């Protein structure tokens, strides 16, 4: 596979991931257990570590039956979107991105970490599907969830940092992508270490790190096209 082919596959997958993320974000999630207003329910659900953490989302005794049923249905809807579309899209985006930076000696490690993170994301979704209906007490889903989320988030964080470094070493985008990648890695490590403190802050640095790589890929695709067009004109 050529670098050009890999770049365009990555770009198209990145566009798909952005579209799916917007769609998932429009699903109404209204926790009724006192979850902090700046903590997205989906992230709080992923980073739940105890029954009290789940109670902040599902609020046993605080939600009406209709509220509880709607919340569970919508969380399951987000989970389904994640499994069917978002994981394949962001996974393809990052996986094929690493095929565009094969000059970096760690590109295979980055691609492998993306595959590992996506596999862990499916494992996480399996745990979340079980917890949606078994959230009032301890369960094996709750016991396994921290392992799945740690592998997923830290794997993605390291992959983003390696991707940013690869772009910088290629001489493009200077150190901007390195800084955004390292910020994403730091956010994932802190969120896994202390979900209550850093979970609410996870979305922004991860989103910025993804967007930085996407924009770098998009810009380089158009730069390469312009250079090829210029070469053809000179040849004529």
C-alpha atoms as a PDB file:
ATOM      1  CA  UNK A   1       0.000   0.000   0.000  1.00  0.00           C
ATOM      2  CA  UNK A   2       1.341   3.395  -0.968  1.00  0.00           C
ATOM      3  CA  UNK A   3       1.579   6.312   1.431  1.00  0.00           C
ATOM      4  CA  UNK A   4      -0.983   8.213  -0.647  1.00  0.00           C
ATOM      5  CA  UNK A   5      -3.522   5.373  -0.468  1.00  0.00           C
ATOM      6  CA  UNK A   6      -3.042   4.952   3.271  1.00  0.00           C
ATOM      7  CA  UNK A   7      -3.427   8.702   3.837  1.00  0.00           C
ATOM      8  CA  UNK A   8      -6.721   8.937   1.984  1.00  0.00           C
ATOM      9  CA  UNK A   9      -8.123   5.852   3.724  1.00  0.00           C
ATOM     10  CA  UNK A  10      -7.109   7.430   7.030  1.00  0.00           C
ATOM     11  CA  UNK A  11      -8.720  10.765   6.112  1.00  0.00           C
ATOM     12  CA  UNK A  12     -12.000   9.174   5.014  1.00  0.00           C
ATOM     13  CA  UNK A  13     -12.101   7.061   8.180  1.00  0.00           C
ATOM     14  CA  UNK A  14     -11.377  10.174  10.240  1.00  0.00           C
ATOM     15  CA  UNK A  15     -14.306  11.984   8.601  1.00  0.00           C
ATOM     16  CA  UNK A  16     -16.526   9.006   9.377  1.00  0.00           C
ATOM     17  CA  UNK A  17     -15.352   8.994  13.005  1.00  0.00           C
ATOM     18  CA  UNK A  18     -16.162  12.696  13.353  1.00  0.00           C
ATOM     19  CA  UNK A  19     -19.640  12.175  11.886  1.00  0.00           C
ATOM     20  CA  UNK A  20     -20.366   9.254  14.194  1.00  0.00           C
ATOM     21  CA  UNK A  21     -19.049  11.171  17.217  1.00  0.00           C
ATOM     22  CA  UNK A  22     -21.451  14.024  16.460  1.00  0.00           C
ATOM     23  CA  UNK A  23     -24.325  11.547  16.099  1.00  0.00           C
ATOM     24  CA  UNK A  24     -23.462   9.832  19.385  1.00  0.00           C
ATOM     25  CA  UNK A  25     -23.176  13.191  21.120  1.00  0.00           C
ATOM     26  CA  UNK A  26     -26.748  14.040  20.172  1.00  0.00           C
ATOM     27  CA  UNK A  27     -28.173  11.088  22.098  1.00  0.00           C
ATOM     28  CA  UNK A  28     -29.826  12.541  25.212  1.00  0.00           C
ATOM     29  CA  UNK A  29     -28.266  11.229  28.425  1.00  0.00           C
ATOM     30  CA  UNK A  30     -29.744  12.582  31.645  1.00  0.00           C
ATOM     31  CA  UNK A  31     -28.196  11.010  34.766  1.00  0.00           C
ATOM     32  CA  UNK A  32     -30.276  11.444  37.888  1.00  0.00           C
ATOM     33  CA  UNK A  33     -27.882  10.446  40.639  1.00  0.00           C
ATOM     34  CA  UNK A  34     -25.982  13.673  41.227  1.00  0.00           C
ATOM     35  CA  UNK A  35     -23.222  13.319  38.622  1.00  0.00           C
ATOM     36  CA  UNK A  36     -21.136  16.485  38.307  1.00  0.00           C
ATOM     37  CA  UNK A  37     -22.404  18.748  35.546  1.00  0.00           C
ATOM     38  CA  UNK A  38     -19.029  18.845  33.744  1.00  0.00           C
ATOM     39  CA  UNK A  39     -18.704  15.042  33.684  1.00  0.00           C
ATOM     40  CA  UNK A  40     -20.063  13.485  30.489  1.00  0.00           C
ATOM     41  CA  UNK A  41     -22.250  10.490  31.444  1.00  0.00           C
ATOM     42  CA  UNK A  42     -20.640   8.217  28.840  1.00  0.00           C
ATOM     43  CA  UNK A  43     -17.126   8.875  30.191  1.00  0.00           C
ATOM     44  CA  UNK A  44     -18.346   8.589  33.800  1.00  0.00           C
ATOM     45  CA  UNK A  45     -19.898   5.230  32.917  1.00  0.00           C
ATOM     46  CA  UNK A  46     -16.669   3.998  31.324  1.00  0.00           C
ATOM     47  CA  UNK A  47     -14.599   5.124  34.315  1.00  0.00           C
ATOM     48  CA  UNK A  48     -16.963   3.811  36.997  1.00  0.00           C
ATOM     49  CA  UNK A  49     -15.017   1.823  39.571  1.00  0.00           C
ATOM     50  CA  UNK A  50     -17.609   1.116  42.260  1.00  0.00           C
ATOM     51  CA  UNK A  51     -21.324   0.816  42.917  1.00  0.00           C
ATOM     52  CA  UNK A  52     -21.384   4.405  44.316  1.00  0.00           C
ATOM     53  CA  UNK A  53     -19.863   5.604  41.027  1.00  0.00           C
ATOM     54  CA  UNK A  54     -22.702   3.910  39.159  1.00  0.00           C
ATOM     55  CA  UNK A  55     -25.238   5.369  41.578  1.00  0.00           C
ATOM     56  CA  UNK A  56     -24.144   8.869  40.511  1.00  0.00           C
ATOM     57  CA  UNK A  57     -25.314   7.994  37.009  1.00  0.00           C
ATOM     58  CA  UNK A  58     -28.341   5.780  37.573  1.00  0.00           C
ATOM     59  CA  UNK A  59     -29.438   7.183  40.936  1.00  0.00           C
ATOM     60  CA  UNK A  60     -31.285   4.194  42.459  1.00  0.00           C
ATOM     61  CA  UNK A  61     -34.245   5.572  44.368  1.00  0.00           C
ATOM     62  CA  UNK A  62     -33.849   8.980  42.679  1.00  0.00           C
ATOM     63  CA  UNK A  63     -34.722   8.156  39.069  1.00  0.00           C
ATOM     64  CA  UNK A  64     -38.334   7.529  38.175  1.00  0.00           C
ATOM     65  CA  UNK A  65     -38.905   4.214  36.371  1.00  0.00           C
ATOM     66  CA  UNK A  66     -39.331   6.081  33.079  1.00  0.00           C
ATOM     67  CA  UNK A  67     -36.136   8.087  33.633  1.00  0.00           C
ATOM     68  CA  UNK A  68     -34.158   4.952  34.461  1.00  0.00           C
ATOM     69  CA  UNK A  69     -35.507   3.066  31.437  1.00  0.00           C
ATOM     70  CA  UNK A  70     -34.760   5.978  29.091  1.00  0.00           C
ATOM     71  CA  UNK A  71     -31.224   6.368  30.448  1.00  0.00           C
ATOM     72  CA  UNK A  72     -30.470   2.647  30.042  1.00  0.00           C
ATOM     73  CA  UNK A  73     -31.931   2.603  26.515  1.00  0.00           C
ATOM     74  CA  UNK A  74     -29.895   5.639  25.455  1.00  0.00           C
ATOM     75  CA  UNK A  75     -26.664   4.337  26.976  1.00  0.00           C
ATOM     76  CA  UNK A  76     -27.219   1.082  25.094  1.00  0.00           C
ATOM     77  CA  UNK A  77     -27.827   3.098  21.919  1.00  0.00           C
ATOM     78  CA  UNK A  78     -24.521   4.922  22.350  1.00  0.00           C
ATOM     79  CA  UNK A  79     -22.829   1.589  23.057  1.00  0.00           C
ATOM     80  CA  UNK A  80     -24.254   0.141  19.836  1.00  0.00           C
ATOM     81  CA  UNK A  81     -23.072   3.136  17.789  1.00  0.00           C
ATOM     82  CA  UNK A  82     -19.657   2.730  19.392  1.00  0.00           C
ATOM     83  CA  UNK A  83     -19.355  -0.959  18.502  1.00  0.00           C
ATOM     84  CA  UNK A  84     -20.868  -0.762  15.029  1.00  0.00           C
ATOM     85  CA  UNK A  85     -19.344   2.453  13.717  1.00  0.00           C
ATOM     86  CA  UNK A  86     -17.135   4.543  15.985  1.00  0.00           C
ATOM     87  CA  UNK A  87     -14.533   1.928  16.933  1.00  0.00           C
ATOM     88  CA  UNK A  88     -14.029   0.761  13.310  1.00  0.00           C
ATOM     89  CA  UNK A  89     -13.852   4.377  12.113  1.00  0.00           C
ATOM     90  CA  UNK A  90     -11.353   5.791  14.623  1.00  0.00           C
ATOM     91  CA  UNK A  91      -9.416   2.519  14.540  1.00  0.00           C
ATOM     92  CA  UNK A  92      -9.035   2.680  10.754  1.00  0.00           C
ATOM     93  CA  UNK A  93      -8.155   6.375  10.954  1.00  0.00           C
ATOM     94  CA  UNK A  94      -5.239   5.808  13.331  1.00  0.00           C
ATOM     95  CA  UNK A  95      -4.172   2.419  11.957  1.00  0.00           C
ATOM     96  CA  UNK A  96      -3.778   3.662   8.376  1.00  0.00           C
ATOM     97  CA  UNK A  97      -2.266   6.918   9.619  1.00  0.00           C
ATOM     98  CA  UNK A  98       0.703   4.910  10.915  1.00  0.00           C
ATOM     99  CA  UNK A  99       1.170   3.516   7.394  1.00  0.00           C
ATOM    100  CA  UNK A 100       1.857   7.094   6.285  1.00  0.00           C
ATOM    101  CA  UNK A 101       4.726   7.529   8.772  1.00  0.00           C
ATOM    102  CA  UNK A 102       6.660   4.339   8.039  1.00  0.00           C
ATOM    103  CA  UNK A 103       9.924   6.250   8.191  1.00  0.00           C
ATOM    104  CA  UNK A 104       9.459   6.351  11.971  1.00  0.00           C
ATOM    105  CA  UNK A 105      10.975   3.200  13.509  1.00  0.00           C
ATOM    106  CA  UNK A 106       8.035   2.862  15.903  1.00  0.00           C
ATOM    107  CA  UNK A 107       5.232   2.944  13.318  1.00  0.00           C
ATOM    108  CA  UNK A 108       4.478  -0.764  13.739  1.00  0.00           C
ATOM    109  CA  UNK A 109       4.231  -0.315  17.509  1.00  0.00           C
ATOM    110  CA  UNK A 110       1.779   2.534  17.003  1.00  0.00           C
ATOM    111  CA  UNK A 111      -0.374   0.471  14.619  1.00  0.00           C
ATOM    112  CA  UNK A 112      -0.326  -2.487  17.021  1.00  0.00           C
ATOM    113  CA  UNK A 113      -1.376  -0.271  19.932  1.00  0.00           C
ATOM    114  CA  UNK A 114      -4.340   0.973  17.896  1.00  0.00           C
ATOM    115  CA  UNK A 115      -5.477  -2.615  17.282  1.00  0.00           C
ATOM    116  CA  UNK A 116      -5.034  -3.426  20.980  1.00  0.00           C
ATOM    117  CA  UNK A 117      -6.970  -0.309  22.040  1.00  0.00           C
ATOM    118  CA  UNK A 118      -9.841  -1.137  19.678  1.00  0.00           C
ATOM    119  CA  UNK A 119     -10.020  -4.715  20.983  1.00  0.00           C
ATOM    120  CA  UNK A 120     -10.092  -3.347  24.543  1.00  0.00           C
ATOM    121  CA  UNK A 121     -12.837  -0.913  23.514  1.00  0.00           C
ATOM    122  CA  UNK A 122     -15.022  -3.832  22.411  1.00  0.00           C
ATOM    123  CA  UNK A 123     -14.265  -5.544  25.724  1.00  0.00           C
ATOM    124  CA  UNK A 124     -15.225  -2.336  27.514  1.00  0.00           C
ATOM    125  CA  UNK A 125     -18.508  -2.130  25.582  1.00  0.00           C
ATOM    126  CA  UNK A 126     -19.332  -5.696  26.611  1.00  0.00           C
ATOM    127  CA  UNK A 127     -18.820  -4.699  30.251  1.00  0.00           C
ATOM    128  CA  UNK A 128     -20.946  -1.556  29.818  1.00  0.00           C
ATOM    129  CA  UNK A 129     -23.772  -3.499  28.175  1.00  0.00           C
ATOM    130  CA  UNK A 130     -23.890  -5.779  31.202  1.00  0.00           C
ATOM    131  CA  UNK A 131     -23.643  -2.917  33.697  1.00  0.00           C
ATOM    132  CA  UNK A 132     -26.525  -1.045  32.079  1.00  0.00           C
ATOM    133  CA  UNK A 133     -28.878  -3.644  33.535  1.00  0.00           C
ATOM    134  CA  UNK A 134     -26.778  -4.723  36.561  1.00  0.00           C
ATOM    135  CA  UNK A 135     -25.747  -1.412  38.109  1.00  0.00           C
ATOM    136  CA  UNK A 136     -27.167  -1.723  41.624  1.00  0.00           C
ATOM    137  CA  UNK A 137     -24.537  -4.060  43.065  1.00  0.00           C
ATOM    138  CA  UNK A 138     -21.116  -5.662  42.487  1.00  0.00           C
ATOM    139  CA  UNK A 139     -20.726  -7.772  39.354  1.00  0.00           C
ATOM    140  CA  UNK A 140     -18.034  -9.331  37.230  1.00  0.00           C
ATOM    141  CA  UNK A 141     -18.731  -6.598  34.653  1.00  0.00           C
ATOM    142  CA  UNK A 142     -17.734  -3.943  37.189  1.00  0.00           C
ATOM    143  CA  UNK A 143     -14.654  -5.950  38.209  1.00  0.00           C
ATOM    144  CA  UNK A 144     -13.434  -6.259  34.611  1.00  0.00           C
ATOM    145  CA  UNK A 145     -14.287  -2.753  33.431  1.00  0.00           C
ATOM    146  CA  UNK A 146     -11.179  -1.008  34.896  1.00  0.00           C
ATOM    147  CA  UNK A 147      -8.873  -3.378  33.007  1.00  0.00           C
ATOM    148  CA  UNK A 148     -10.631  -2.791  29.704  1.00  0.00           C
ATOM    149  CA  UNK A 149     -10.707   0.990  30.089  1.00  0.00           C
ATOM    150  CA  UNK A 150      -7.064   1.157  31.193  1.00  0.00           C
ATOM    151  CA  UNK A 151      -5.859  -0.829  28.178  1.00  0.00           C
ATOM    152  CA  UNK A 152      -8.025   1.196  25.808  1.00  0.00           C
ATOM    153  CA  UNK A 153      -7.298   4.697  27.054  1.00  0.00           C
ATOM    154  CA  UNK A 154      -3.591   4.273  27.771  1.00  0.00           C
ATOM    155  CA  UNK A 155      -3.118   2.390  24.490  1.00  0.00           C
ATOM    156  CA  UNK A 156      -4.769   5.244  22.609  1.00  0.00           C
ATOM    157  CA  UNK A 157      -2.797   7.823  24.575  1.00  0.00           C
ATOM    158  CA  UNK A 158       0.533   6.199  23.723  1.00  0.00           C
ATOM    159  CA  UNK A 159      -0.509   5.763  20.071  1.00  0.00           C
ATOM    160  CA  UNK A 160      -1.435   9.449  19.796  1.00  0.00           C
ATOM    161  CA  UNK A 161       1.876  10.485  21.358  1.00  0.00           C
ATOM    162  CA  UNK A 162       3.830   8.227  18.972  1.00  0.00           C
ATOM    163  CA  UNK A 163       1.847   9.577  16.024  1.00  0.00           C
ATOM    164  CA  UNK A 164       2.548  13.160  16.985  1.00  0.00           C
ATOM    165  CA  UNK A 165       6.238  12.411  17.393  1.00  0.00           C
ATOM    166  CA  UNK A 166       6.358  10.681  14.008  1.00  0.00           C
ATOM    167  CA  UNK A 167       4.879  13.734  12.284  1.00  0.00           C
ATOM    168  CA  UNK A 168       7.393  16.006  14.004  1.00  0.00           C
ATOM    169  CA  UNK A 169      10.340  13.762  13.108  1.00  0.00           C
ATOM    170  CA  UNK A 170       9.239  13.829   9.471  1.00  0.00           C
ATOM    171  CA  UNK A 171       9.750  17.568   9.594  1.00  0.00           C
ATOM    172  CA  UNK A 172       6.093  18.542   9.422  1.00  0.00           C
ATOM    173  CA  UNK A 173       3.964  20.416  11.905  1.00  0.00           C
ATOM    174  CA  UNK A 174       7.002  21.007  14.101  1.00  0.00           C
ATOM    175  CA  UNK A 175       6.205  20.084  17.689  1.00  0.00           C
ATOM    176  CA  UNK A 176       2.501  20.950  17.690  1.00  0.00           C
ATOM    177  CA  UNK A 177       1.428  17.357  17.161  1.00  0.00           C
ATOM    178  CA  UNK A 178       3.926  16.190  19.797  1.00  0.00           C
ATOM    179  CA  UNK A 179       2.457  18.545  22.368  1.00  0.00           C
ATOM    180  CA  UNK A 180      -1.124  17.553  21.594  1.00  0.00           C
ATOM    181  CA  UNK A 181      -0.181  13.856  21.608  1.00  0.00           C
ATOM    182  CA  UNK A 182       1.609  14.112  24.952  1.00  0.00           C
ATOM    183  CA  UNK A 183      -1.327  16.066  26.384  1.00  0.00           C
ATOM    184  CA  UNK A 184      -3.643  13.257  25.264  1.00  0.00           C
ATOM    185  CA  UNK A 185      -1.387  10.646  26.864  1.00  0.00           C
ATOM    186  CA  UNK A 186      -1.204  12.604  30.119  1.00  0.00           C
ATOM    187  CA  UNK A 187      -4.999  12.973  30.160  1.00  0.00           C
ATOM    188  CA  UNK A 188      -5.543   9.227  29.753  1.00  0.00           C
ATOM    189  CA  UNK A 189      -3.041   8.289  32.468  1.00  0.00           C
ATOM    190  CA  UNK A 190      -4.494  10.804  34.924  1.00  0.00           C
ATOM    191  CA  UNK A 191      -8.077   9.760  34.181  1.00  0.00           C
ATOM    192  CA  UNK A 192      -7.264   6.102  34.799  1.00  0.00           C
ATOM    193  CA  UNK A 193      -5.306   6.983  37.947  1.00  0.00           C
ATOM    194  CA  UNK A 194      -8.051   9.189  39.432  1.00  0.00           C
ATOM    195  CA  UNK A 195     -11.305   9.051  37.447  1.00  0.00           C
ATOM    196  CA  UNK A 196     -13.273  11.340  39.771  1.00  0.00           C
ATOM    197  CA  UNK A 197     -10.673  14.117  39.513  1.00  0.00           C
ATOM    198  CA  UNK A 198      -9.531  13.844  35.910  1.00  0.00           C
ATOM    199  CA  UNK A 199     -12.318  11.962  34.109  1.00  0.00           C
ATOM    200  CA  UNK A 200     -14.244  15.190  33.414  1.00  0.00           C
ATOM    201  CA  UNK A 201     -11.117  16.616  31.734  1.00  0.00           C
ATOM    202  CA  UNK A 202     -10.445  13.637  29.463  1.00  0.00           C
ATOM    203  CA  UNK A 203     -12.476  14.565  26.395  1.00  0.00           C
ATOM    204  CA  UNK A 204     -10.803  17.822  25.366  1.00  0.00           C
ATOM    205  CA  UNK A 205      -7.113  16.758  25.174  1.00  0.00           C
ATOM    206  CA  UNK A 206      -7.992  13.457  23.482  1.00  0.00           C
ATOM    207  CA  UNK A 207     -10.204  15.236  20.960  1.00  0.00           C
ATOM    208  CA  UNK A 208      -7.539  17.842  20.235  1.00  0.00           C
ATOM    209  CA  UNK A 209      -4.873  15.145  19.749  1.00  0.00           C
ATOM    210  CA  UNK A 210      -7.091  13.273  17.276  1.00  0.00           C
ATOM    211  CA  UNK A 211      -7.969  16.494  15.456  1.00  0.00           C
ATOM    212  CA  UNK A 212      -4.313  17.563  15.200  1.00  0.00           C
ATOM    213  CA  UNK A 213      -3.371  14.326  13.443  1.00  0.00           C
ATOM    214  CA  UNK A 214      -6.446  14.516  11.200  1.00  0.00           C
ATOM    215  CA  UNK A 215      -5.703  18.093  10.118  1.00  0.00           C
ATOM    216  CA  UNK A 216      -2.033  17.253   9.556  1.00  0.00           C
ATOM    217  CA  UNK A 217      -3.034  14.326   7.333  1.00  0.00           C
ATOM    218  CA  UNK A 218      -5.536  16.455   5.427  1.00  0.00           C
ATOM    219  CA  UNK A 219      -3.032  19.266   4.860  1.00  0.00           C
ATOM    220  CA  UNK A 220      -0.318  16.878   3.695  1.00  0.00           C
ATOM    221  CA  UNK A 221      -2.727  15.206   1.280  1.00  0.00           C
ATOM    222  CA  UNK A 222      -3.478  18.523  -0.415  1.00  0.00           C
ATOM    223  CA  UNK A 223       0.187  19.568  -0.349  1.00  0.00           C
ATOM    224  CA  UNK A 224       1.143  16.292  -2.042  1.00  0.00           C
ATOM    225  CA  UNK A 225      -1.573  16.791  -4.668  1.00  0.00           C
ATOM    226  CA  UNK A 226      -0.391  20.324  -5.375  1.00  0.00           C
ATOM    227  CA  UNK A 227       3.203  19.136  -5.719  1.00  0.00           C
ATOM    228  CA  UNK A 228       2.175  16.345  -8.105  1.00  0.00           C
ATOM    229  CA  UNK A 229       0.185  18.813 -10.217  1.00  0.00           C
ATOM    230  CA  UNK A 230       3.177  21.149 -10.349  1.00  0.00           C
ATOM    231  CA  UNK A 231       5.466  18.306 -11.430  1.00  0.00           C
ATOM    232  CA  UNK A 232       3.090  17.354 -14.250  1.00  0.00           C
ATOM    233  CA  UNK A 233       2.995  20.914 -15.520  1.00  0.00           C
ATOM    234  CA  UNK A 234       6.793  21.115 -15.530  1.00  0.00           C
ATOM    235  CA  UNK A 235       6.964  17.821 -17.392  1.00  0.00           C
ATOM    236  CA  UNK A 236       4.667  19.185 -20.076  1.00  0.00           C
END
